[in-house]
Amino acid sequence: MSLAALVLLATLAAPASENRPEELLCYSTIFEPFVIQGEDRIHGADVELIEEIGRRLDLTIKIELRPWRRIEASLRNGAPDLQCAFAFFDTEERRTYMSFMQVPLHVTDYVLFAHRSSVDRFAGGALPSGAIVAVNRGFHLPQVIESAAARGEIVLHEVGEEEQSLRMLALDRVDAVLTHRGVGEHVLRRLDLEGLVALEPAMASRPAYLVFPNESKLSPGNATIALGLGPRDLALRFDQALTAMQEDGTVAAILARHGLSR
């Protein structure tokens, strides 16, 4: 048995708190195929990973959808009903109000999507002067994109989700869409949009994590307190469960079901 599995068994064998909550509330936003809003339930690769972590830790994790910016504001300001959120990039600023898992849920390969006929304009990662690039509102953007926008070389057009931005691209209302490669390809297949392709190379690759509010941001009624654990200890338990899932093939199987490799 692996070390991660042994540590996880020891963790689960620890006495449970008498006031243990029935569920933890976790926020995310639509990011297909990681988070998908179905007719009767929220599902997707990240959702399945988190639900399996909860099963292994004997926790029910309830997931609700919010815009990225509202989720981050709730973490920053200490919303009493928020116990976890996903998936966020690790930054020095965010560490002042978020406790990060050490094991990522997935890796985000940021690429530009454009018309096949426009590939030469973006050759070698070039950003054509005046190009309008659609980005998700609240996204933490690659430095090359932020810098080009700050210099006025490109124009950023914020949208709510990839379906909106890729439809705009198909209608020539923007020149490119910045998003996760797997997300863009998934939405293109679902919408049956032809002639749009992912451009190489990737603009950036960054791991994305499930996070918890920092100890200083926990309100007295927050359910994580009833677990008898601080956010960092809770993150450690989640890390142990996710590591065990990687080792026994569960993570790879869930990602493969959604056409993802990482």
Protein backbone atom coordinates (compact mmCIF):
# COMPACT_ATOMS: atom_id res chain seq x y z
CA MET A 1 0.00 0.00 0.00
CA SER A 2 1.35 3.47 -0.88
CA LEU A 3 2.41 6.02 1.75
CA ALA A 4 -0.37 8.38 0.63
CA ALA A 5 -2.98 5.64 1.12
CA LEU A 6 -1.62 4.80 4.59
CA VAL A 7 -1.71 8.45 5.64
CA LEU A 8 -5.25 8.78 4.32
CA LEU A 9 -6.42 5.70 6.27
CA ALA A 10 -4.87 7.09 9.43
CA THR A 11 -6.58 10.41 8.82
CA LEU A 12 -9.97 8.82 8.32
CA ALA A 13 -9.52 6.71 11.45
CA ALA A 14 -9.26 9.86 13.59
CA PRO A 15 -12.27 10.58 15.83
CA ALA A 16 -14.96 12.61 14.11
CA SER A 17 -16.24 15.81 15.62
CA GLU A 18 -19.65 15.52 17.28
CA ASN A 19 -20.61 18.71 15.46
CA ARG A 20 -19.37 17.53 12.10
CA PRO A 21 -21.37 19.27 9.34
CA GLU A 22 -23.48 17.22 6.97
CA GLU A 23 -22.02 19.07 4.00
CA LEU A 24 -19.51 21.65 2.86
CA LEU A 25 -20.59 24.33 0.39
CA CYS A 26 -18.17 24.80 -2.49
CA TYR A 27 -18.46 27.48 -5.19
CA SER A 28 -17.37 27.27 -8.80
CA THR A 29 -18.49 28.57 -12.18
CA ILE A 30 -19.36 26.98 -15.54
CA PHE A 31 -16.14 25.81 -17.18
CA GLU A 32 -16.99 22.86 -19.42
CA PRO A 33 -16.00 20.03 -19.27
CA PHE A 34 -14.65 20.66 -15.74
CA VAL A 35 -17.89 22.20 -14.46
CA ILE A 36 -21.09 21.64 -16.45
CA GLN A 37 -24.56 22.86 -15.55
CA GLY A 38 -26.93 20.06 -16.51
CA GLU A 39 -30.70 20.13 -16.43
CA ASP A 40 -30.95 18.60 -12.97
CA ARG A 41 -27.43 18.68 -11.52
CA ILE A 42 -23.97 20.20 -11.77
CA HIS A 43 -21.39 17.75 -13.09
CA GLY A 44 -18.06 17.62 -14.94
CA ALA A 45 -14.48 16.44 -14.41
CA ASP A 46 -13.60 18.71 -11.45
CA VAL A 47 -17.01 18.09 -9.89
CA GLU A 48 -16.51 14.32 -10.06
CA LEU A 49 -13.02 14.62 -8.58
CA ILE A 50 -14.28 16.70 -5.66
CA GLU A 51 -17.29 14.46 -5.05
CA GLU A 52 -14.98 11.43 -4.91
CA ILE A 53 -12.68 13.24 -2.47
CA GLY A 54 -15.74 13.92 -0.32
CA ARG A 55 -16.81 10.27 -0.49
CA ARG A 56 -13.37 9.13 0.67
CA LEU A 57 -13.38 11.64 3.52
CA ASP A 58 -16.99 10.88 4.46
CA LEU A 59 -18.07 14.43 3.58
CA THR A 60 -20.95 15.58 1.41
CA ILE A 61 -19.80 18.49 -0.75
CA LYS A 62 -22.54 20.69 -2.18
CA ILE A 63 -21.54 22.69 -5.26
CA GLU A 64 -23.15 25.96 -6.31
CA LEU A 65 -22.34 28.22 -9.24
CA ARG A 66 -21.26 31.84 -9.01
CA PRO A 67 -19.30 34.18 -11.34
CA TRP A 68 -15.51 34.03 -10.88
CA ARG A 69 -15.26 37.57 -9.52
CA ARG A 70 -18.04 37.04 -6.98
CA ILE A 71 -16.40 33.85 -5.72
CA GLU A 72 -13.05 35.57 -5.28
CA ALA A 73 -14.71 38.52 -3.52
CA SER A 74 -16.44 36.09 -1.13
CA LEU A 75 -13.11 34.46 -0.30
CA ARG A 76 -11.43 37.84 0.14
CA ASN A 77 -14.20 39.24 2.34
CA GLY A 78 -14.97 36.12 4.39
CA ALA A 79 -18.47 35.04 3.29
CA PRO A 80 -19.98 32.93 6.13
CA ASP A 81 -21.58 30.32 3.86
CA LEU A 82 -18.50 29.57 1.73
CA GLN A 83 -16.27 26.68 2.77
CA CYS A 84 -14.35 25.95 -0.46
CA ALA A 85 -14.08 26.99 -4.10
CA PHE A 86 -12.44 25.83 -7.33
CA ALA A 87 -10.41 26.08 -9.46
CA PHE A 88 -7.93 28.90 -8.77
CA PHE A 89 -4.35 29.67 -9.73
CA ASP A 90 -1.91 30.08 -6.83
CA THR A 91 -0.65 33.66 -6.49
CA GLU A 92 1.07 35.52 -3.67
CA GLU A 93 -1.88 37.92 -3.30
CA ARG A 94 -4.44 35.11 -3.16
CA ARG A 95 -2.50 33.38 -0.40
CA THR A 96 -3.47 36.27 1.88
CA TYR A 97 -7.09 35.08 1.83
CA MET A 98 -7.04 31.53 0.35
CA SER A 99 -5.60 28.26 1.63
CA PHE A 100 -4.51 26.16 -1.35
CA MET A 101 -4.34 22.43 -1.79
CA GLN A 102 -0.86 21.32 -2.84
CA VAL A 103 -2.14 18.84 -5.45
CA PRO A 104 -3.91 20.54 -8.40
CA LEU A 105 -7.29 19.47 -9.72
CA HIS A 106 -6.06 20.05 -13.27
CA VAL A 107 -3.52 21.96 -15.33
CA THR A 108 -4.77 24.85 -17.44
CA ASP A 109 -3.13 25.10 -20.86
CA TYR A 110 -4.09 28.61 -21.98
CA VAL A 111 -4.33 28.80 -25.77
CA LEU A 112 -5.85 31.18 -28.28
CA PHE A 113 -8.63 29.94 -30.53
CA ALA A 114 -9.05 31.62 -33.91
CA HIS A 115 -10.35 30.99 -37.42
CA ARG A 116 -8.24 28.49 -39.34
CA SER A 117 -7.82 31.17 -42.01
CA SER A 118 -6.24 33.50 -39.40
CA VAL A 119 -3.56 31.12 -38.13
CA ASP A 120 -0.75 32.94 -39.97
CA ARG A 121 -1.63 36.23 -38.19
CA PHE A 122 -0.85 34.56 -34.84
CA ALA A 123 2.18 32.52 -36.02
CA GLY A 124 4.72 31.78 -33.30
CA GLY A 125 2.51 33.21 -30.56
CA ALA A 126 2.31 36.67 -32.16
CA LEU A 127 -0.50 38.99 -31.08
CA PRO A 128 -1.61 41.10 -34.07
CA SER A 129 -1.88 44.79 -33.34
CA GLY A 130 -5.46 45.79 -32.59
CA ALA A 131 -6.68 42.20 -32.22
CA ILE A 132 -9.82 41.79 -30.09
CA VAL A 133 -9.37 38.86 -27.71
CA ALA A 134 -12.32 37.48 -25.73
CA VAL A 135 -11.51 36.40 -22.16
CA ASN A 136 -13.62 35.13 -19.29
CA ARG A 137 -14.55 37.81 -16.79
CA GLY A 138 -12.46 37.28 -13.64
CA PHE A 139 -9.81 35.07 -15.29
CA HIS A 140 -6.22 35.40 -14.07
CA LEU A 141 -4.60 36.10 -17.45
CA PRO A 142 -1.16 35.08 -18.77
CA GLN A 143 1.39 37.88 -18.39
CA VAL A 144 1.92 38.18 -22.15
CA ILE A 145 -1.80 38.91 -22.63
CA GLU A 146 -1.99 41.38 -19.73
CA SER A 147 1.11 43.23 -20.92
CA ALA A 148 -0.09 43.49 -24.52
CA ALA A 149 -3.44 44.83 -23.34
CA ALA A 150 -1.78 47.32 -20.97
CA ARG A 151 0.32 48.66 -23.86
CA GLY A 152 -2.82 49.04 -25.98
CA GLU A 153 -1.60 46.50 -28.53
CA ILE A 154 -4.68 44.29 -28.17
CA VAL A 155 -8.22 44.82 -26.87
CA LEU A 156 -9.70 42.49 -24.25
CA HIS A 157 -13.41 41.73 -24.46
CA GLU A 158 -14.78 40.16 -21.28
CA VAL A 159 -17.48 37.47 -21.46
CA GLY A 160 -19.30 35.23 -19.01
CA GLU A 161 -18.30 31.85 -20.43
CA GLU A 162 -16.75 30.06 -23.42
CA GLU A 163 -19.99 29.40 -25.26
CA GLN A 164 -20.51 33.15 -25.61
CA SER A 165 -16.94 33.91 -26.67
CA LEU A 166 -16.66 31.09 -29.22
CA ARG A 167 -19.99 32.02 -30.81
CA MET A 168 -18.68 35.58 -31.10
CA LEU A 169 -15.52 34.27 -32.74
CA ALA A 170 -17.57 32.24 -35.24
CA LEU A 171 -19.46 35.43 -36.11
CA ASP A 172 -16.21 37.44 -36.48
CA ARG A 173 -17.13 39.72 -33.58
CA VAL A 174 -13.73 39.00 -31.97
CA ASP A 175 -10.41 37.91 -33.48
CA ALA A 176 -9.48 35.27 -30.91
CA VAL A 177 -10.63 33.58 -27.71
CA LEU A 178 -8.32 32.83 -24.79
CA THR A 179 -9.23 29.76 -22.76
CA HIS A 180 -8.16 26.32 -21.58
CA ARG A 181 -7.43 24.07 -24.55
CA GLY A 182 -9.68 21.24 -23.33
CA VAL A 183 -12.52 23.64 -22.49
CA GLY A 184 -12.45 25.31 -25.90
CA GLU A 185 -12.31 22.02 -27.78
CA HIS A 186 -15.17 20.60 -25.70
CA VAL A 187 -17.42 23.61 -26.37
CA LEU A 188 -16.57 23.63 -30.09
CA ARG A 189 -17.66 19.98 -30.36
CA ARG A 190 -20.86 20.62 -28.44
CA LEU A 191 -21.79 23.66 -30.52
CA ASP A 192 -20.61 22.01 -33.76
CA LEU A 193 -18.67 25.14 -34.72
CA GLU A 194 -16.35 24.48 -37.65
CA GLY A 195 -13.28 26.33 -38.87
CA LEU A 196 -12.10 27.36 -35.38
CA VAL A 197 -8.81 25.93 -34.10
CA ALA A 198 -6.50 26.06 -31.10
CA LEU A 199 -3.26 27.92 -31.89
CA GLU A 200 0.19 26.73 -30.93
CA PRO A 201 2.14 27.24 -28.80
CA ALA A 202 0.17 27.56 -25.57
CA MET A 203 0.32 31.03 -24.02
CA ALA A 204 0.84 29.55 -20.54
CA SER A 205 0.34 26.36 -18.52
CA ARG A 206 -0.64 26.67 -14.86
CA PRO A 207 -2.03 24.27 -12.23
CA ALA A 208 -5.46 25.08 -10.82
CA TYR A 209 -6.50 24.21 -7.27
CA LEU A 210 -9.39 23.78 -4.91
CA VAL A 211 -9.08 26.40 -2.16
CA PHE A 212 -10.43 27.12 1.32
CA PRO A 213 -10.86 30.49 3.06
CA ASN A 214 -7.86 31.45 5.18
CA GLU A 215 -8.27 31.08 8.93
CA SER A 216 -8.48 34.87 9.28
CA LYS A 217 -11.42 34.96 6.84
CA LEU A 218 -13.57 32.33 8.60
CA SER A 219 -16.79 33.65 10.13
CA PRO A 220 -17.90 32.10 13.47
CA GLY A 221 -20.69 30.12 11.78
CA ASN A 222 -18.57 28.72 8.97
CA ALA A 223 -19.03 24.94 8.66
CA THR A 224 -15.29 24.27 8.34
CA ILE A 225 -14.93 25.23 12.03
CA ALA A 226 -17.28 22.39 12.99
CA LEU A 227 -14.85 19.92 11.42
CA GLY A 228 -12.37 20.73 14.16
CA LEU A 229 -9.72 21.51 11.54
CA GLY A 230 -8.11 24.68 10.27
CA PRO A 231 -8.24 25.36 6.52
CA ARG A 232 -4.65 24.17 6.04
CA ASP A 233 -5.36 20.89 7.83
CA LEU A 234 -8.51 20.43 5.75
CA ALA A 235 -6.51 21.12 2.59
CA LEU A 236 -4.01 18.46 3.71
CA ARG A 237 -6.77 15.86 4.02
CA PHE A 238 -8.06 16.74 0.57
CA ASP A 239 -4.49 16.49 -0.78
CA GLN A 240 -4.08 13.03 0.72
CA ALA A 241 -7.33 11.82 -0.83
CA LEU A 242 -6.53 13.29 -4.26
CA THR A 243 -3.02 11.81 -4.20
CA ALA A 244 -4.48 8.38 -3.46
CA MET A 245 -6.90 8.88 -6.37
CA GLN A 246 -4.00 9.67 -8.68
CA GLU A 247 -2.16 6.54 -7.59
CA ASP A 248 -5.12 4.17 -7.99
CA GLY A 249 -6.08 5.52 -11.44
CA THR A 250 -9.31 7.28 -10.41
CA VAL A 251 -8.13 10.72 -11.57
CA ALA A 252 -7.02 9.48 -14.99
CA ALA A 253 -10.31 7.62 -15.48
CA ILE A 254 -12.43 10.68 -14.61
CA LEU A 255 -10.41 12.98 -16.88
CA ALA A 256 -10.55 10.46 -19.76
CA ARG A 257 -14.35 10.30 -19.53
CA HIS A 258 -14.38 14.00 -20.32
CA GLY A 259 -11.79 13.87 -23.10
CA LEU A 260 -9.02 15.34 -20.93
CA SER A 261 -5.50 14.20 -20.19
CA ARG A 262 -4.61 16.50 -17.25
